[in-house]
Amino acid sequence: MYPINSRFEWDSKKAIVNLRNHGVSFEDAAEALSDPNGLVIYDQLHSIHEDRFCWIGLSSKGVLSVVITDRQDDRVCRIISARRASRNERIRYYENEKTYHNRP
C-alpha cells in the first residue's frame, strides 16, 4: 500500500483538533503522504477494526508521522492523525532514504 497515488480524505473536526494538539494540518499530512521516499509501517496494535498504517514522510513542515487507513473499495486514503516525527522515526526515515537513493 503506497498512498502516493491515492486521494486523501479526513474528518474536518478531527483535523482542527489535530492542528491544535500537534501543530500539523492534514494538508501538511497529505504533502508528506506524497513523498516518494516515504516509509510505511503496519500498525498492528491499532488495526482491530481496519488496517492502519503509519507513514513517515517529508513535507514542508519537516518529517511527519501520519496515521492512515486505506479504503480499498473506493481507493481513498483516510488521514486519522498527524504529528511531527519522533527522533527515532526521523532516523528510520533518513536511513530508508539513503537506502532508497543507493539502490541500483
PDB file of N, CA and C in Angstrom:
ATOM      1  N   MET A   1       0.831  -1.174   0.000  1.00  0.00           N
ATOM      2  CA  MET A   1       0.000   0.000   0.000  1.00  0.00           C
ATOM      3  C   MET A   1       0.880   1.244   0.000  1.00  0.00           C
ATOM      4  N   TYR A   2       0.751   2.033  -1.028  1.00  0.00           N
ATOM      5  CA  TYR A   2       1.517   3.267  -1.139  1.00  0.00           C
ATOM      6  C   TYR A   2       0.548   4.411  -1.387  1.00  0.00           C
ATOM      7  N   PRO A   3       0.337   5.287  -0.402  1.00  0.00           N
ATOM      8  CA  PRO A   3      -0.647   6.355  -0.570  1.00  0.00           C
ATOM      9  C   PRO A   3      -0.276   7.400  -1.599  1.00  0.00           C
ATOM     10  N   ILE A   4       0.919   7.331  -2.144  1.00  0.00           N
ATOM     11  CA  ILE A   4       1.372   8.356  -3.081  1.00  0.00           C
ATOM     12  C   ILE A   4       0.406   8.527  -4.260  1.00  0.00           C
ATOM     13  N   ASN A   5      -0.290   7.468  -4.653  1.00  0.00           N
ATOM     14  CA  ASN A   5      -1.206   7.540  -5.791  1.00  0.00           C
ATOM     15  C   ASN A   5      -2.663   7.636  -5.356  1.00  0.00           C
ATOM     16  N   SER A   6      -2.896   7.907  -4.107  1.00  0.00           N
ATOM     17  CA  SER A   6      -4.248   7.907  -3.572  1.00  0.00           C
ATOM     18  C   SER A   6      -4.853   9.298  -3.518  1.00  0.00           C
ATOM     19  N   ARG A   7      -6.168   9.308  -3.363  1.00  0.00           N
ATOM     20  CA  ARG A   7      -6.871  10.526  -2.972  1.00  0.00           C
ATOM     21  C   ARG A   7      -6.918  10.507  -1.455  1.00  0.00           C
ATOM     22  N   PHE A   8      -6.968  11.666  -0.840  1.00  0.00           N
ATOM     23  CA  PHE A   8      -6.955  11.753   0.612  1.00  0.00           C
ATOM     24  C   PHE A   8      -8.258  12.346   1.119  1.00  0.00           C
ATOM     25  N   GLU A   9      -8.704  11.841   2.278  1.00  0.00           N
ATOM     26  CA  GLU A   9      -9.877  12.393   2.933  1.00  0.00           C
ATOM     27  C   GLU A   9      -9.632  12.393   4.429  1.00  0.00           C
ATOM     28  N   TRP A  10     -10.406  13.205   5.160  1.00  0.00           N
ATOM     29  CA  TRP A  10     -10.303  13.246   6.610  1.00  0.00           C
ATOM     30  C   TRP A  10     -11.547  13.904   7.177  1.00  0.00           C
ATOM     31  N   ASP A  11     -11.720  13.721   8.460  1.00  0.00           N
ATOM     32  CA  ASP A  11     -12.804  14.350   9.203  1.00  0.00           C
ATOM     33  C   ASP A  11     -12.371  15.782   9.526  1.00  0.00           C
ATOM     34  N   SER A  12     -13.157  16.757   9.118  1.00  0.00           N
ATOM     35  CA  SER A  12     -12.757  18.164   9.281  1.00  0.00           C
ATOM     36  C   SER A  12     -12.665  18.571  10.753  1.00  0.00           C
ATOM     37  N   LYS A  13     -13.530  18.037  11.610  1.00  0.00           N
ATOM     38  CA  LYS A  13     -13.454  18.364  13.042  1.00  0.00           C
ATOM     39  C   LYS A  13     -12.182  17.775  13.652  1.00  0.00           C
ATOM     40  N   LYS A  14     -11.862  16.566  13.254  1.00  0.00           N
ATOM     41  CA  LYS A  14     -10.646  15.928  13.757  1.00  0.00           C
ATOM     42  C   LYS A  14      -9.407  16.686  13.262  1.00  0.00           C
ATOM     43  N   ALA A  15      -9.464  17.227  12.061  1.00  0.00           N
ATOM     44  CA  ALA A  15      -8.345  17.992  11.515  1.00  0.00           C
ATOM     45  C   ALA A  15      -8.060  19.232  12.359  1.00  0.00           C
ATOM     46  N   ILE A  16      -9.115  19.893  12.829  1.00  0.00           N
ATOM     47  CA  ILE A  16      -8.952  21.084  13.668  1.00  0.00           C
ATOM     48  C   ILE A  16      -8.310  20.705  14.999  1.00  0.00           C
ATOM     49  N   VAL A  17      -8.791  19.628  15.601  1.00  0.00           N
ATOM     50  CA  VAL A  17      -8.231  19.159  16.874  1.00  0.00           C
ATOM     51  C   VAL A  17      -6.774  18.747  16.693  1.00  0.00           C
ATOM     52  N   ASN A  18      -6.479  18.064  15.605  1.00  0.00           N
ATOM     53  CA  ASN A  18      -5.109  17.627  15.340  1.00  0.00           C
ATOM     54  C   ASN A  18      -4.169  18.826  15.191  1.00  0.00           C
ATOM     55  N   LEU A  19      -4.612  19.847  14.470  1.00  0.00           N
ATOM     56  CA  LEU A  19      -3.796  21.053  14.281  1.00  0.00           C
ATOM     57  C   LEU A  19      -3.537  21.731  15.630  1.00  0.00           C
ATOM     58  N   ARG A  20      -4.557  21.813  16.456  1.00  0.00           N
ATOM     59  CA  ARG A  20      -4.402  22.437  17.772  1.00  0.00           C
ATOM     60  C   ARG A  20      -3.470  21.613  18.671  1.00  0.00           C
ATOM     61  N   ASN A  21      -3.616  20.287  18.656  1.00  0.00           N
ATOM     62  CA  ASN A  21      -2.834  19.428  19.550  1.00  0.00           C
ATOM     63  C   ASN A  21      -1.406  19.179  19.081  1.00  0.00           C
ATOM     64  N   HIS A  22      -1.219  19.086  17.768  1.00  0.00           N
ATOM     65  CA  HIS A  22       0.093  18.686  17.241  1.00  0.00           C
ATOM     66  C   HIS A  22       0.763  19.738  16.363  1.00  0.00           C
ATOM     67  N   GLY A  23       0.034  20.798  16.018  1.00  0.00           N
ATOM     68  CA  GLY A  23       0.618  21.836  15.174  1.00  0.00           C
ATOM     69  C   GLY A  23       0.847  21.397  13.738  1.00  0.00           C
ATOM     70  N   VAL A  24       0.124  20.346  13.319  1.00  0.00           N
ATOM     71  CA  VAL A  24       0.273  19.816  11.959  1.00  0.00           C
ATOM     72  C   VAL A  24      -1.111  19.724  11.328  1.00  0.00           C
ATOM     73  N   SER A  25      -1.272  20.349  10.171  1.00  0.00           N
ATOM     74  CA  SER A  25      -2.549  20.279   9.461  1.00  0.00           C
ATOM     75  C   SER A  25      -2.625  18.992   8.646  1.00  0.00           C
ATOM     76  N   PHE A  26      -3.832  18.594   8.315  1.00  0.00           N
ATOM     77  CA  PHE A  26      -3.977  17.410   7.474  1.00  0.00           C
ATOM     78  C   PHE A  26      -3.555  17.706   6.035  1.00  0.00           C
ATOM     79  N   GLU A  27      -3.526  18.966   5.638  1.00  0.00           N
ATOM     80  CA  GLU A  27      -2.973  19.324   4.328  1.00  0.00           C
ATOM     81  C   GLU A  27      -1.462  19.046   4.317  1.00  0.00           C
ATOM     82  N   ASP A  28      -0.786  19.385   5.433  1.00  0.00           N
ATOM     83  CA  ASP A  28       0.639  19.054   5.559  1.00  0.00           C
ATOM     84  C   ASP A  28       0.828  17.537   5.538  1.00  0.00           C
ATOM     85  N   ALA A  29      -0.074  16.820   6.196  1.00  0.00           N
ATOM     86  CA  ALA A  29      -0.004  15.350   6.217  1.00  0.00           C
ATOM     87  C   ALA A  29      -0.135  14.789   4.805  1.00  0.00           C
ATOM     88  N   ALA A  30      -1.055  15.339   4.026  1.00  0.00           N
ATOM     89  CA  ALA A  30      -1.224  14.878   2.638  1.00  0.00           C
ATOM     90  C   ALA A  30       0.049  15.121   1.833  1.00  0.00           C
ATOM     91  N   GLU A  31       0.726  16.227   2.102  1.00  0.00           N
ATOM     92  CA  GLU A  31       2.003  16.507   1.427  1.00  0.00           C
ATOM     93  C   GLU A  31       3.033  15.426   1.781  1.00  0.00           C
ATOM     94  N   ALA A  32       3.107  15.060   3.060  1.00  0.00           N
ATOM     95  CA  ALA A  32       4.045  14.007   3.484  1.00  0.00           C
ATOM     96  C   ALA A  32       3.690  12.666   2.851  1.00  0.00           C
ATOM     97  N   LEU A  33       2.398  12.417   2.660  1.00  0.00           N
ATOM     98  CA  LEU A  33       1.951  11.159   2.046  1.00  0.00           C
ATOM     99  C   LEU A  33       2.323  11.081   0.567  1.00  0.00           C
ATOM    100  N   SER A  34       2.654  12.211  -0.024  1.00  0.00           N
ATOM    101  CA  SER A  34       3.063  12.239  -1.431  1.00  0.00           C
ATOM    102  C   SER A  34       4.573  12.101  -1.604  1.00  0.00           C
ATOM    103  N   ASP A  35       5.291  11.914  -0.502  1.00  0.00           N
ATOM    104  CA  ASP A  35       6.750  11.758  -0.545  1.00  0.00           C
ATOM    105  C   ASP A  35       7.105  10.392  -1.122  1.00  0.00           C
ATOM    106  N   PRO A  36       7.766  10.341  -2.286  1.00  0.00           N
ATOM    107  CA  PRO A  36       8.114   9.049  -2.890  1.00  0.00           C
ATOM    108  C   PRO A  36       9.110   8.240  -2.060  1.00  0.00           C
ATOM    109  N   ASN A  37       9.797   8.891  -1.122  1.00  0.00           N
ATOM    110  CA  ASN A  37      10.741   8.182  -0.253  1.00  0.00           C
ATOM    111  C   ASN A  37      10.117   7.817   1.091  1.00  0.00           C
ATOM    112  N   GLY A  38       8.803   7.991   1.212  1.00  0.00           N
ATOM    113  CA  GLY A  38       8.119   7.720   2.465  1.00  0.00           C
ATOM    114  C   GLY A  38       8.266   6.265   2.903  1.00  0.00           C
ATOM    115  N   LEU A  39       8.117   6.097   4.193  1.00  0.00           N
ATOM    116  CA  LEU A  39       8.274   4.788   4.825  1.00  0.00           C
ATOM    117  C   LEU A  39       6.945   4.414   5.454  1.00  0.00           C
ATOM    118  N   VAL A  40       6.443   3.219   5.157  1.00  0.00           N
ATOM    119  CA  VAL A  40       5.157   2.789   5.701  1.00  0.00           C
ATOM    120  C   VAL A  40       5.374   1.652   6.702  1.00  0.00           C
ATOM    121  N   ILE A  41       4.670   1.737   7.836  1.00  0.00           N
ATOM    122  CA  ILE A  41       4.785   0.726   8.890  1.00  0.00           C
ATOM    123  C   ILE A  41       3.373   0.304   9.264  1.00  0.00           C
ATOM    124  N   TYR A  42       3.119  -1.000   9.259  1.00  0.00           N
ATOM    125  CA  TYR A  42       1.808  -1.512   9.653  1.00  0.00           C
ATOM    126  C   TYR A  42       1.625  -1.325  11.150  1.00  0.00           C
ATOM    127  N   ASP A  43       0.473  -0.802  11.565  1.00  0.00           N
ATOM    128  CA  ASP A  43       0.173  -0.531  12.971  1.00  0.00           C
ATOM    129  C   ASP A  43      -0.713  -1.656  13.515  1.00  0.00           C
ATOM    130  N   GLN A  44      -0.082  -2.742  13.905  1.00  0.00           N
ATOM    131  CA  GLN A  44      -0.815  -3.918  14.348  1.00  0.00           C
ATOM    132  C   GLN A  44      -1.648  -3.633  15.604  1.00  0.00           C
ATOM    133  N   LEU A  45      -1.117  -2.840  16.513  1.00  0.00           N
ATOM    134  CA  LEU A  45      -1.794  -2.541  17.766  1.00  0.00           C
ATOM    135  C   LEU A  45      -3.156  -1.863  17.563  1.00  0.00           C
ATOM    136  N   HIS A  46      -3.254  -0.982  16.554  1.00  0.00           N
ATOM    137  CA  HIS A  46      -4.490  -0.220  16.322  1.00  0.00           C
ATOM    138  C   HIS A  46      -5.281  -0.704  15.112  1.00  0.00           C
ATOM    139  N   SER A  47      -4.978  -1.889  14.628  1.00  0.00           N
ATOM    140  CA  SER A  47      -5.664  -2.422  13.445  1.00  0.00           C
ATOM    141  C   SER A  47      -6.722  -3.456  13.825  1.00  0.00           C
ATOM    142  N   ILE A  48      -7.556  -3.104  14.770  1.00  0.00           N
ATOM    143  CA  ILE A  48      -8.584  -4.041  15.234  1.00  0.00           C
ATOM    144  C   ILE A  48      -9.761  -4.095  14.264  1.00  0.00           C
ATOM    145  N   HIS A  49     -10.308  -2.935  13.909  1.00  0.00           N
ATOM    146  CA  HIS A  49     -11.478  -2.876  13.035  1.00  0.00           C
ATOM    147  C   HIS A  49     -11.124  -2.629  11.569  1.00  0.00           C
ATOM    148  N   GLU A  50      -9.945  -2.101  11.335  1.00  0.00           N
ATOM    149  CA  GLU A  50      -9.468  -1.823   9.977  1.00  0.00           C
ATOM    150  C   GLU A  50      -7.947  -1.769  10.016  1.00  0.00           C
ATOM    151  N   ASP A  51      -7.316  -2.039   8.897  1.00  0.00           N
ATOM    152  CA  ASP A  51      -5.860  -1.957   8.833  1.00  0.00           C
ATOM    153  C   ASP A  51      -5.434  -0.495   8.919  1.00  0.00           C
ATOM    154  N   ARG A  52      -4.506  -0.234   9.829  1.00  0.00           N
ATOM    155  CA  ARG A  52      -3.955   1.114   9.972  1.00  0.00           C
ATOM    156  C   ARG A  52      -2.457   1.063   9.741  1.00  0.00           C
ATOM    157  N   PHE A  53      -1.950   2.171   9.214  1.00  0.00           N
ATOM    158  CA  PHE A  53      -0.546   2.278   8.875  1.00  0.00           C
ATOM    159  C   PHE A  53      -0.004   3.610   9.372  1.00  0.00           C
ATOM    160  N   CYS A  54       1.274   3.620   9.668  1.00  0.00           N
ATOM    161  CA  CYS A  54       1.975   4.860   9.985  1.00  0.00           C
ATOM    162  C   CYS A  54       2.882   5.156   8.791  1.00  0.00           C
ATOM    163  N   TRP A  55       2.689   6.295   8.181  1.00  0.00           N
ATOM    164  CA  TRP A  55       3.502   6.730   7.044  1.00  0.00           C
ATOM    165  C   TRP A  55       4.442   7.814   7.547  1.00  0.00           C
ATOM    166  N   ILE A  56       5.718   7.646   7.339  1.00  0.00           N
ATOM    167  CA  ILE A  56       6.702   8.652   7.716  1.00  0.00           C
ATOM    168  C   ILE A  56       7.221   9.269   6.428  1.00  0.00           C
ATOM    169  N   GLY A  57       6.959  10.568   6.263  1.00  0.00           N
ATOM    170  CA  GLY A  57       7.334  11.228   5.027  1.00  0.00           C
ATOM    171  C   GLY A  57       7.677  12.687   5.247  1.00  0.00           C
ATOM    172  N   LEU A  58       8.328  13.261   4.254  1.00  0.00           N
ATOM    173  CA  LEU A  58       8.807  14.635   4.316  1.00  0.00           C
ATOM    174  C   LEU A  58       7.764  15.598   3.746  1.00  0.00           C
ATOM    175  N   SER A  59       7.544  16.696   4.458  1.00  0.00           N
ATOM    176  CA  SER A  59       6.685  17.781   3.983  1.00  0.00           C
ATOM    177  C   SER A  59       7.449  19.085   4.174  1.00  0.00           C
ATOM    178  N   SER A  60       6.822  20.182   3.806  1.00  0.00           N
ATOM    179  CA  SER A  60       7.468  21.482   4.020  1.00  0.00           C
ATOM    180  C   SER A  60       7.590  21.803   5.510  1.00  0.00           C
ATOM    181  N   LYS A  61       6.876  21.076   6.359  1.00  0.00           N
ATOM    182  CA  LYS A  61       6.960  21.240   7.819  1.00  0.00           C
ATOM    183  C   LYS A  61       7.998  20.312   8.444  1.00  0.00           C
ATOM    184  N   GLY A  62       8.703  19.538   7.631  1.00  0.00           N
ATOM    185  CA  GLY A  62       9.685  18.579   8.126  1.00  0.00           C
ATOM    186  C   GLY A  62       9.165  17.158   7.983  1.00  0.00           C
ATOM    187  N   VAL A  63       9.799  16.238   8.678  1.00  0.00           N
ATOM    188  CA  VAL A  63       9.397  14.829   8.612  1.00  0.00           C
ATOM    189  C   VAL A  63       8.184  14.642   9.527  1.00  0.00           C
ATOM    190  N   LEU A  64       7.123  14.083   8.967  1.00  0.00           N
ATOM    191  CA  LEU A  64       5.879  13.876   9.705  1.00  0.00           C
ATOM    192  C   LEU A  64       5.569  12.395   9.840  1.00  0.00           C
ATOM    193  N   SER A  65       4.861  12.067  10.887  1.00  0.00           N
ATOM    194  CA  SER A  65       4.330  10.730  11.112  1.00  0.00           C
ATOM    195  C   SER A  65       2.815  10.835  10.960  1.00  0.00           C
ATOM    196  N   VAL A  66       2.261  10.123   9.980  1.00  0.00           N
ATOM    197  CA  VAL A  66       0.852  10.235   9.638  1.00  0.00           C
ATOM    198  C   VAL A  66       0.197   8.867   9.769  1.00  0.00           C
ATOM    199  N   VAL A  67      -0.856   8.794  10.569  1.00  0.00           N
ATOM    200  CA  VAL A  67      -1.611   7.550  10.710  1.00  0.00           C
ATOM    201  C   VAL A  67      -2.728   7.577   9.682  1.00  0.00           C
ATOM    202  N   ILE A  68      -2.819   6.487   8.916  1.00  0.00           N
ATOM    203  CA  ILE A  68      -3.788   6.414   7.820  1.00  0.00           C
ATOM    204  C   ILE A  68      -4.456   5.045   7.794  1.00  0.00           C
ATOM    205  N   THR A  69      -5.558   4.988   7.081  1.00  0.00           N
ATOM    206  CA  THR A  69      -6.172   3.722   6.730  1.00  0.00           C
ATOM    207  C   THR A  69      -6.467   3.790   5.235  1.00  0.00           C
ATOM    208  N   ASP A  70      -6.396   2.659   4.584  1.00  0.00           N
ATOM    209  CA  ASP A  70      -6.577   2.587   3.140  1.00  0.00           C
ATOM    210  C   ASP A  70      -7.956   2.023   2.859  1.00  0.00           C
ATOM    211  N   ARG A  71      -8.803   2.811   2.226  1.00  0.00           N
ATOM    212  CA  ARG A  71     -10.145   2.356   1.862  1.00  0.00           C
ATOM    213  C   ARG A  71     -10.071   1.753   0.461  1.00  0.00           C
ATOM    214  N   GLN A  72      -9.801   0.459   0.402  1.00  0.00           N
ATOM    215  CA  GLN A  72      -9.594  -0.232  -0.883  1.00  0.00           C
ATOM    216  C   GLN A  72     -10.812  -0.144  -1.798  1.00  0.00           C
ATOM    217  N   ASP A  73     -12.010  -0.181  -1.204  1.00  0.00           N
ATOM    218  CA  ASP A  73     -13.212  -0.203  -2.028  1.00  0.00           C
ATOM    219  C   ASP A  73     -13.394   1.074  -2.842  1.00  0.00           C
ATOM    220  N   ASP A  74     -12.978   2.218  -2.314  1.00  0.00           N
ATOM    221  CA  ASP A  74     -13.117   3.457  -3.079  1.00  0.00           C
ATOM    222  C   ASP A  74     -11.779   4.153  -3.340  1.00  0.00           C
ATOM    223  N   ARG A  75     -10.677   3.438  -3.099  1.00  0.00           N
ATOM    224  CA  ARG A  75      -9.326   3.917  -3.405  1.00  0.00           C
ATOM    225  C   ARG A  75      -9.025   5.271  -2.778  1.00  0.00           C
ATOM    226  N   VAL A  76      -9.396   5.398  -1.517  1.00  0.00           N
ATOM    227  CA  VAL A  76      -9.164   6.636  -0.779  1.00  0.00           C
ATOM    228  C   VAL A  76      -8.315   6.335   0.439  1.00  0.00           C
ATOM    229  N   CYS A  77      -7.357   7.187   0.679  1.00  0.00           N
ATOM    230  CA  CYS A  77      -6.505   7.095   1.863  1.00  0.00           C
ATOM    231  C   CYS A  77      -7.063   8.071   2.892  1.00  0.00           C
ATOM    232  N   ARG A  78      -7.529   7.549   4.025  1.00  0.00           N
ATOM    233  CA  ARG A  78      -8.115   8.391   5.073  1.00  0.00           C
ATOM    234  C   ARG A  78      -7.055   8.730   6.110  1.00  0.00           C
ATOM    235  N   ILE A  79      -6.859  10.032   6.339  1.00  0.00           N
ATOM    236  CA  ILE A  79      -5.907  10.504   7.339  1.00  0.00           C
ATOM    237  C   ILE A  79      -6.601  10.508   8.700  1.00  0.00           C
ATOM    238  N   ILE A  80      -5.969   9.834   9.661  1.00  0.00           N
ATOM    239  CA  ILE A  80      -6.527   9.722  11.004  1.00  0.00           C
ATOM    240  C   ILE A  80      -5.868  10.723  11.950  1.00  0.00           C
ATOM    241  N   SER A  81      -4.545  10.838  11.875  1.00  0.00           N
ATOM    242  CA  SER A  81      -3.823  11.808  12.705  1.00  0.00           C
ATOM    243  C   SER A  81      -2.460  12.086  12.073  1.00  0.00           C
ATOM    244  N   ALA A  82      -1.857  13.181  12.518  1.00  0.00           N
ATOM    245  CA  ALA A  82      -0.534  13.565  12.010  1.00  0.00           C
ATOM    246  C   ALA A  82       0.188  14.372  13.075  1.00  0.00           C
ATOM    247  N   ARG A  83       1.494  14.167  13.130  1.00  0.00           N
ATOM    248  CA  ARG A  83       2.335  14.896  14.075  1.00  0.00           C
ATOM    249  C   ARG A  83       3.747  14.937  13.513  1.00  0.00           C
ATOM    250  N   ARG A  84       4.590  15.754  14.139  1.00  0.00           N
ATOM    251  CA  ARG A  84       5.999  15.748  13.753  1.00  0.00           C
ATOM    252  C   ARG A  84       6.591  14.401  14.165  1.00  0.00           C
ATOM    253  N   ALA A  85       7.445  13.862  13.333  1.00  0.00           N
ATOM    254  CA  ALA A  85       8.045  12.556  13.609  1.00  0.00           C
ATOM    255  C   ALA A  85       8.948  12.622  14.834  1.00  0.00           C
ATOM    256  N   SER A  86       8.957  11.525  15.577  1.00  0.00           N
ATOM    257  CA  SER A  86       9.861  11.431  16.725  1.00  0.00           C
ATOM    258  C   SER A  86      11.300  11.309  16.224  1.00  0.00           C
ATOM    259  N   ARG A  87      12.236  11.434  17.120  1.00  0.00           N
ATOM    260  CA  ARG A  87      13.646  11.306  16.754  1.00  0.00           C
ATOM    261  C   ARG A  87      13.910   9.953  16.094  1.00  0.00           C
ATOM    262  N   ASN A  88      13.397   8.880  16.698  1.00  0.00           N
ATOM    263  CA  ASN A  88      13.607   7.540  16.136  1.00  0.00           C
ATOM    264  C   ASN A  88      12.950   7.388  14.766  1.00  0.00           C
ATOM    265  N   GLU A  89      11.776   7.982  14.581  1.00  0.00           N
ATOM    266  CA  GLU A  89      11.109   7.926  13.271  1.00  0.00           C
ATOM    267  C   GLU A  89      11.905   8.697  12.225  1.00  0.00           C
ATOM    268  N   ARG A  90      12.460   9.843  12.608  1.00  0.00           N
ATOM    269  CA  ARG A  90      13.287  10.611  11.661  1.00  0.00           C
ATOM    270  C   ARG A  90      14.524   9.819  11.260  1.00  0.00           C
ATOM    271  N   ILE A  91      15.153   9.171  12.233  1.00  0.00           N
ATOM    272  CA  ILE A  91      16.330   8.343  11.929  1.00  0.00           C
ATOM    273  C   ILE A  91      15.951   7.244  10.948  1.00  0.00           C
ATOM    274  N   ARG A  92      14.846   6.557  11.210  1.00  0.00           N
ATOM    275  CA  ARG A  92      14.384   5.494  10.292  1.00  0.00           C
ATOM    276  C   ARG A  92      14.114   6.046   8.901  1.00  0.00           C
ATOM    277  N   TYR A  93      13.488   7.232   8.836  1.00  0.00           N
ATOM    278  CA  TYR A  93      13.182   7.843   7.550  1.00  0.00           C
ATOM    279  C   TYR A  93      14.458   8.126   6.762  1.00  0.00           C
ATOM    280  N   TYR A  94      15.425   8.781   7.404  1.00  0.00           N
ATOM    281  CA  TYR A  94      16.646   9.151   6.685  1.00  0.00           C
ATOM    282  C   TYR A  94      17.497   7.937   6.343  1.00  0.00           C
ATOM    283  N   GLU A  95      17.493   6.905   7.166  1.00  0.00           N
ATOM    284  CA  GLU A  95      18.189   5.658   6.822  1.00  0.00           C
ATOM    285  C   GLU A  95      17.526   5.010   5.609  1.00  0.00           C
ATOM    286  N   ASN A  96      16.188   5.005   5.587  1.00  0.00           N
ATOM    287  CA  ASN A  96      15.446   4.457   4.459  1.00  0.00           C
ATOM    288  C   ASN A  96      15.723   5.257   3.194  1.00  0.00           C
ATOM    289  N   GLU A  97      15.778   6.581   3.317  1.00  0.00           N
ATOM    290  CA  GLU A  97      16.032   7.442   2.168  1.00  0.00           C
ATOM    291  C   GLU A  97      17.417   7.167   1.579  1.00  0.00           C
ATOM    292  N   LYS A  98      18.424   6.977   2.444  1.00  0.00           N
ATOM    293  CA  LYS A  98      19.768   6.658   1.961  1.00  0.00           C
ATOM    294  C   LYS A  98      19.757   5.339   1.195  1.00  0.00           C
ATOM    295  N   THR A  99      19.087   4.351   1.747  1.00  0.00           N
ATOM    296  CA  THR A  99      18.996   3.045   1.087  1.00  0.00           C
ATOM    297  C   THR A  99      18.279   3.185  -0.248  1.00  0.00           C
ATOM    298  N   TYR A 100      17.194   3.966  -0.273  1.00  0.00           N
ATOM    299  CA  TYR A 100      16.409   4.157  -1.480  1.00  0.00           C
ATOM    300  C   TYR A 100      17.258   4.799  -2.566  1.00  0.00           C
ATOM    301  N   HIS A 101      18.030   5.831  -2.232  1.00  0.00           N
ATOM    302  CA  HIS A 101      18.834   6.540  -3.224  1.00  0.00           C
ATOM    303  C   HIS A 101      20.067   5.744  -3.673  1.00  0.00           C
ATOM    304  N   ASN A 102      20.502   4.783  -2.887  1.00  0.00           N
ATOM    305  CA  ASN A 102      21.676   3.988  -3.232  1.00  0.00           C
ATOM    306  C   ASN A 102      21.330   2.689  -3.983  1.00  0.00           C
ATOM    307  N   ARG A 103      20.048   2.472  -4.258  1.00  0.00           N
ATOM    308  CA  ARG A 103      19.659   1.259  -4.999  1.00  0.00           C
ATOM    309  C   ARG A 103      20.141   1.355  -6.431  1.00  0.00           C
ATOM    310  N   PRO A 104      20.535   0.216  -7.003  1.00  0.00           N
ATOM    311  CA  PRO A 104      20.986   0.238  -8.406  1.00  0.00           C
ATOM    312  C   PRO A 104      19.844   0.462  -9.375  1.00  0.00           C
TER     313      PRO A 104
END
